[in-house]
Structures are given as C-alpha cells and as structure tokens.
Protein backbone atom coordinates (compact mmCIF):
# COMPACT_ATOMS: atom_id res chain seq x y z
CA MET A 1 173.13 54.58 219.28
CA THR A 2 170.01 53.88 217.10
CA ASP A 3 170.40 56.46 214.51
CA ILE A 4 174.17 55.80 213.23
CA LEU A 5 175.93 57.77 210.63
CA ARG A 6 178.47 55.13 208.81
CA ILE A 7 181.34 57.11 206.53
CA GLY A 8 183.39 54.55 205.84
CA SER A 9 184.82 52.67 208.56
CA TYR A 10 183.52 55.23 210.87
CA GLU A 11 180.65 55.03 213.36
CA LEU A 12 178.94 58.32 214.57
CA SER A 13 176.10 58.62 216.96
CA SER A 14 175.39 62.39 216.21
CA ARG A 15 174.89 64.01 212.78
CA LEU A 16 176.36 67.00 213.62
CA ILE A 17 179.94 67.79 213.48
CA VAL A 18 181.26 70.82 214.96
CA GLY A 19 184.36 73.21 214.46
CA THR A 20 186.88 74.71 216.40
CA GLY A 21 187.11 78.90 214.42
CA LYS A 22 186.03 82.10 215.94
CA TYR A 23 185.08 81.14 219.46
CA PRO A 24 185.91 83.57 221.31
CA SER A 25 187.79 81.75 223.84
CA MET A 26 188.86 77.66 224.24
CA GLU A 27 186.80 77.21 226.89
CA VAL A 28 183.81 78.89 225.69
CA MET A 29 184.61 76.11 222.12
CA ARG A 30 184.79 73.41 224.42
CA ALA A 31 181.76 73.96 226.62
CA ALA A 32 180.20 74.42 223.04
CA HIS A 33 181.55 70.98 222.40
CA ALA A 34 179.72 69.63 224.70
CA ALA A 35 176.58 70.85 224.31
CA SER A 36 176.26 70.11 220.99
CA GLY A 37 176.58 66.46 221.46
CA ALA A 38 178.73 65.96 218.34
CA VAL A 39 181.05 63.02 218.65
CA MET A 40 183.44 64.78 215.90
CA VAL A 41 184.97 68.02 215.06
CA THR A 42 187.00 69.27 211.93
CA VAL A 43 190.07 71.20 212.95
CA ALA A 44 192.30 73.43 210.24
CA ILE A 45 195.74 71.91 210.59
CA ARG A 46 197.28 75.00 209.63
CA ARG A 47 196.03 76.41 212.39
CA ILE A 48 197.67 74.17 214.95
CA ASN A 49 200.63 76.13 216.35
CA LEU A 50 203.18 74.19 217.38
CA ASP A 51 205.24 76.95 218.68
CA ASP A 52 203.15 78.44 221.22
CA PRO A 53 205.47 79.81 224.23
CA SER A 54 202.38 78.26 226.50
CA GLY A 55 203.52 74.83 225.22
CA LYS A 56 199.38 74.28 224.40
CA THR A 57 198.37 73.38 221.02
CA LEU A 58 194.30 73.47 219.74
CA LEU A 59 194.37 70.26 220.48
CA ASP A 60 194.92 70.34 223.87
CA TYR A 61 191.85 72.11 224.21
CA ILE A 62 189.86 69.73 222.47
CA ASP A 63 188.22 66.37 224.28
CA ARG A 64 189.42 63.59 222.56
CA GLU A 65 188.10 61.13 224.97
CA ASN A 66 184.96 61.67 223.27
CA LEU A 67 185.37 63.65 220.04
CA LEU A 68 186.76 62.13 216.73
CA VAL A 69 188.86 64.43 215.25
CA LEU A 70 188.47 64.99 211.84
CA PRO A 71 191.53 67.01 210.25
CA ASN A 72 191.15 69.82 207.35
CA THR A 73 192.55 71.67 204.39
CA ALA A 74 191.32 74.62 204.90
CA GLY A 75 193.98 77.97 203.72
CA CYS A 76 194.86 75.22 200.49
CA TYR A 77 194.09 77.10 196.89
CA THR A 78 195.69 73.87 194.74
CA ALA A 79 195.80 69.90 195.23
CA LYS A 80 199.24 69.96 195.62
CA ASP A 81 198.77 71.82 198.94
CA ALA A 82 196.26 70.15 199.88
CA VAL A 83 197.88 66.81 199.44
CA LEU A 84 200.70 67.69 201.29
CA THR A 85 198.38 69.08 204.40
CA ALA A 86 196.78 65.77 204.47
CA GLN A 87 199.75 63.68 204.39
CA LEU A 88 201.18 65.87 207.61
CA ALA A 89 197.76 66.00 208.99
CA ARG A 90 198.02 61.86 209.01
CA GLU A 91 201.36 61.81 210.39
CA LEU A 92 200.68 64.55 213.14
CA LEU A 93 197.19 62.66 214.27
CA GLU A 94 197.42 59.09 213.21
CA THR A 95 194.44 59.06 211.08
CA ASP A 96 193.50 58.52 207.64
CA LEU A 97 190.73 61.10 207.69
CA ILE A 98 190.65 64.51 205.78
CA LYS A 99 187.98 66.57 204.96
CA LEU A 100 189.81 67.79 201.57
CA GLU A 101 188.95 71.91 201.10
CA VAL A 102 191.28 73.40 198.20
CA ILE A 103 189.70 77.09 197.93
CA GLY A 104 189.20 78.64 194.18
CA ASP A 105 188.78 82.15 195.25
CA PRO A 106 189.41 84.29 198.52
CA ASP A 107 186.37 86.38 198.26
CA THR A 108 183.60 83.73 198.15
CA LEU A 109 185.79 80.68 198.87
CA HIS A 110 184.26 78.63 196.54
CA PRO A 111 186.22 75.29 195.98
CA ASP A 112 187.96 75.13 193.03
CA ALA A 113 186.18 71.90 191.60
CA ARG A 114 189.14 70.96 189.13
CA GLU A 115 191.60 70.72 192.18
CA THR A 116 189.42 69.56 194.83
CA LEU A 117 188.81 66.27 192.13
CA ASN A 118 192.77 65.99 191.55
CA ALA A 119 193.42 65.97 195.12
CA ALA A 120 190.24 63.68 196.24
CA GLU A 121 191.95 61.08 193.79
CA ARG A 122 195.27 61.27 194.71
CA LEU A 123 194.36 61.21 198.80
CA VAL A 124 191.93 58.02 197.98
CA ASN A 125 195.10 56.34 196.07
CA GLU A 126 196.68 56.97 199.32
CA GLY A 127 194.53 55.60 201.68
CA PHE A 128 193.05 58.72 202.63
CA THR A 129 189.14 58.43 204.07
CA VAL A 130 188.32 61.37 201.98
CA LEU A 131 185.32 64.14 203.10
CA PRO A 132 184.98 66.46 200.14
CA TYR A 133 183.95 70.49 200.83
CA ILE A 134 182.26 71.09 197.42
CA GLY A 135 180.33 73.07 195.72
CA ASP A 136 176.20 72.28 195.36
CA ASP A 137 176.75 70.55 191.84
CA PRO A 138 175.34 67.37 191.57
CA VAL A 139 177.72 66.45 188.51
CA VAL A 140 180.62 66.57 190.84
CA CYS A 141 179.55 65.54 194.05
CA LYS A 142 178.86 62.35 191.68
CA GLN A 143 182.34 62.48 190.24
CA LEU A 144 183.76 62.52 193.71
CA GLU A 145 182.11 59.85 194.60
CA GLU A 146 183.12 57.49 191.63
CA LEU A 147 187.02 58.48 192.45
CA GLY A 148 185.75 56.55 196.36
CA CYS A 149 185.41 59.49 198.56
CA ALA A 150 183.59 58.42 201.74
CA ALA A 151 181.31 60.68 201.69
CA VAL A 152 180.83 64.31 199.67
CA MET A 153 179.96 67.90 201.40
CA PRO A 154 178.19 70.10 199.38
CA LEU A 155 178.02 74.03 200.85
CA ALA A 156 174.20 75.33 201.89
CA ALA A 157 175.73 78.56 200.92
CA PRO A 158 179.28 80.73 201.58
CA ILE A 159 181.69 80.00 204.09
CA GLY A 160 180.42 82.25 207.26
CA SER A 161 177.71 83.50 205.64
CA GLY A 162 175.07 81.96 207.72
CA LEU A 163 172.14 82.35 204.51
CA GLY A 164 170.95 79.05 205.04
CA VAL A 165 170.18 77.06 201.91
CA CYS A 166 170.08 78.74 199.26
CA ASN A 167 169.37 75.91 196.95
CA PRO A 168 167.49 73.12 198.47
CA TYR A 169 166.59 71.77 194.65
CA THR A 170 170.51 70.51 194.22
CA ILE A 171 170.67 69.57 197.50
CA ARG A 172 168.03 66.98 196.71
CA ILE A 173 169.31 66.25 193.45
CA ILE A 174 172.72 65.32 195.19
CA LYS A 175 171.30 63.18 198.05
CA GLU A 176 168.71 61.34 195.85
CA ARG A 177 172.07 60.24 193.51
CA ALA A 178 174.47 59.51 195.64
CA LYS A 179 175.23 56.26 197.46
CA VAL A 180 177.79 57.65 200.22
CA PRO A 181 176.64 59.96 202.98
CA VAL A 182 175.63 63.53 201.98
CA ILE A 183 177.22 66.25 204.54
CA VAL A 184 175.74 69.76 204.47
CA ASP A 185 178.80 72.31 204.89
CA ALA A 186 178.97 75.40 205.09
CA GLY A 187 176.07 78.20 205.03
CA VAL A 188 173.78 77.38 208.16
CA GLY A 189 173.43 80.52 210.56
CA THR A 190 170.81 79.33 212.90
CA ALA A 191 168.73 76.16 214.26
CA SER A 192 165.68 76.51 211.37
CA ASP A 193 168.00 76.49 208.72
CA ALA A 194 169.57 72.92 210.42
CA ALA A 195 166.56 71.53 210.39
CA ILE A 196 165.26 72.54 207.14
CA ALA A 197 168.70 70.92 205.51
CA MET A 198 168.12 68.07 207.32
CA GLU A 199 164.24 67.32 206.57
CA LEU A 200 165.91 67.42 202.64
CA GLY A 201 167.18 64.58 203.88
CA VAL A 202 170.81 65.17 203.99
CA ASP A 203 173.17 62.71 206.24
CA ALA A 204 174.51 64.98 208.51
CA LEU A 205 175.45 68.84 209.08
CA LEU A 206 179.08 70.25 209.63
CA MET A 207 178.78 73.92 211.12
CA ASN A 208 181.44 76.30 212.54
CA THR A 209 180.27 79.80 212.49
CA GLY A 210 176.75 79.64 213.18
CA ILE A 211 177.66 78.22 216.42
CA ALA A 212 180.91 79.98 217.14
CA ALA A 213 179.56 83.64 216.19
CA ALA A 214 176.22 83.44 218.13
CA ARG A 215 175.96 85.74 221.13
CA ASP A 216 175.45 82.35 223.54
CA PRO A 217 177.84 79.88 221.67
CA VAL A 218 176.84 77.24 223.87
CA LEU A 219 173.56 78.09 223.70
CA MET A 220 173.19 77.83 219.90
CA ALA A 221 174.94 74.30 220.04
CA GLU A 222 172.68 72.97 222.38
CA ALA A 223 169.54 74.15 220.07
CA MET A 224 171.52 73.00 216.66
CA LYS A 225 171.85 69.42 218.84
CA HIS A 226 167.87 69.79 218.87
CA ALA A 227 166.91 70.93 215.10
CA VAL A 228 169.51 68.00 213.87
CA ILE A 229 167.60 65.45 215.60
CA ALA A 230 164.36 67.11 215.16
CA GLY A 231 165.02 67.61 211.17
CA ARG A 232 166.18 63.75 210.77
CA ALA A 233 163.07 62.97 212.85
CA ALA A 234 160.65 64.71 210.22
CA TYR A 235 162.64 63.59 207.64
CA HIS A 236 161.84 59.80 208.03
CA ALA A 237 157.96 61.03 209.63
CA GLY A 238 157.17 62.65 205.71
CA ARG A 239 155.99 65.97 205.96
CA MET A 240 151.79 66.47 205.04
CA GLU A 241 150.75 67.35 201.28
CA LYS A 242 151.10 70.82 200.74
CA ARG A 243 147.48 72.47 199.84
CA LEU A 244 146.50 75.61 198.16
CA TYR A 245 143.18 75.76 200.34
CA ALA A 246 142.00 74.61 203.61
CA ASN A 247 141.26 71.37 204.79
CA ALA A 248 139.48 71.00 208.06
CA SER A 249 141.48 69.19 210.88
CA SER A 250 137.79 67.56 212.05
CA PRO A 251 136.20 67.00 208.73
CA MET A 252 133.02 68.21 208.09
CA ARG A 253 131.39 64.32 206.89
CA ASP A 254 129.86 62.30 209.69
CA LEU A 255 129.37 65.62 212.54
CA ILE A 256 126.07 64.98 213.96
CA SER A 257 123.23 67.53 212.80
CA THR A 258 122.49 70.44 215.34
CA LYS A 259 118.83 69.51 214.46
CA ALA A 260 119.56 66.31 216.28
CA ILE A 261 120.51 67.91 219.84
C-alpha cells in the first residue's frame, strides 16, 4: 500500500487492471486474476447472461471480496447505447464506476472520438466515475479530462492485437499534459510490453487478451504483475542516458599503472 493509484474517490493498491474475456474456462480466469495481483477487474455488461439455466453469471466467478468490478460498455457504437449500458451497470452492480467504450469501426475496433466525448459528458453529469477508452490522441484525451473524466485510457495498439506500444511518443505527451491518471488500455501482448508502457510514466495498465490468450494464462498473469511493478520502479529510478559510443564501467581515470606493480 505504498504506491497507491487514485481514480476519483477510489484507491487501488495495484496498477494492473485485468479483464474477463477469452479465457479457456472460468476456473482459469479466477486463477489468473489471483496471480495478477490486480484489485480491479473490468466486465462487459453485455456479456452478463442473466438467463443462464445454471443460475450463474460471469459475476459469480469473480472474487468480489478482493476485486473491484469496473463495468464497461463494450459493444456500443453510439453514445446513446453507451449511456444506457452504463445506467444498467449502475443498477445491476450498484457502482458509479464505468469504463466507457464507444467503437467507431468494427474491423479495427478503434473508438469513435465524437461519440465518446458525447457519452462522457452525459455520464459525468449523471455522477459516474468515467474512465474512457480512446485513441492515443493528446487533444481528445485533454478534452475528456476537461469534461470531468476521472482518468483517460489511450490505446497502445488495436484491441487484442498484442502489438505493444505502437506510438510511445504520443503516450508520453498525453501523460505529460494530464492531471488525471493515464491508463494504457489495449495492445499489450507480453510482459516486456507492459514494462515498456510503465517506463513511459503511465499510471496503470488494463489488459485482457495478453493474459487470457497466453498458452499459460495464470503464469502470464504473474509475469504481467512483475512487469508492471518493474516498469513503474524503472520509471521512478530514471534510466541512464543513451550513448552512441562505449563508456567503460570502470573508468580509466585513477587506475594504478602496471609499471608501479
């Protein structure tokens, strides 16, 4: 509890947020969540099937004693649908948290900036703690912050692509200008991607496919936990200056001459 992430009125002891999709089984998902060390998990409200004959829903497989549920509006293509989904989530889960997603293109799954801004404004005015998923656009991120969003969530790469941070320079600009947490969302494929993202100075990562689609999701979840911690520590430590030429680890100055031996 020495490095707290604050999002609105919420305090999180982990800077890794995990998801619930694409796991081979619910049991593997639960084990991966535990291995990740995460304290927040995002859930697509449209994936919660209340008509399952078993009587169970996705929520029954989430350790809600240790995980704060962040509902999301995945699958929405208009601000109207996203706002309605958020309102349903608030009723179902009794939370003001919402991860806002308004998709603009079904192939790339890139967000629709205009619809996202419209939905964010409405949800903030309705008292939601809004975390919007958006492209890595410094201008739109600033606009979302000015509307009152509790964080901004720029993508690192297209959802589920595993390409890593495709444009670190815009992510750095977004972080430099933001007065709210910057959470990189989408595109992180492995632990090195997570470390690189955290070394840019972002406040947290949200990932799902990078863990769920690994050959061993539980082991990958543990790897991601350590990568986030390492990347965060490296950012605060400050990396050495890059050099074109070698610079001896043991400087030549003050070395004892061999003639004196």
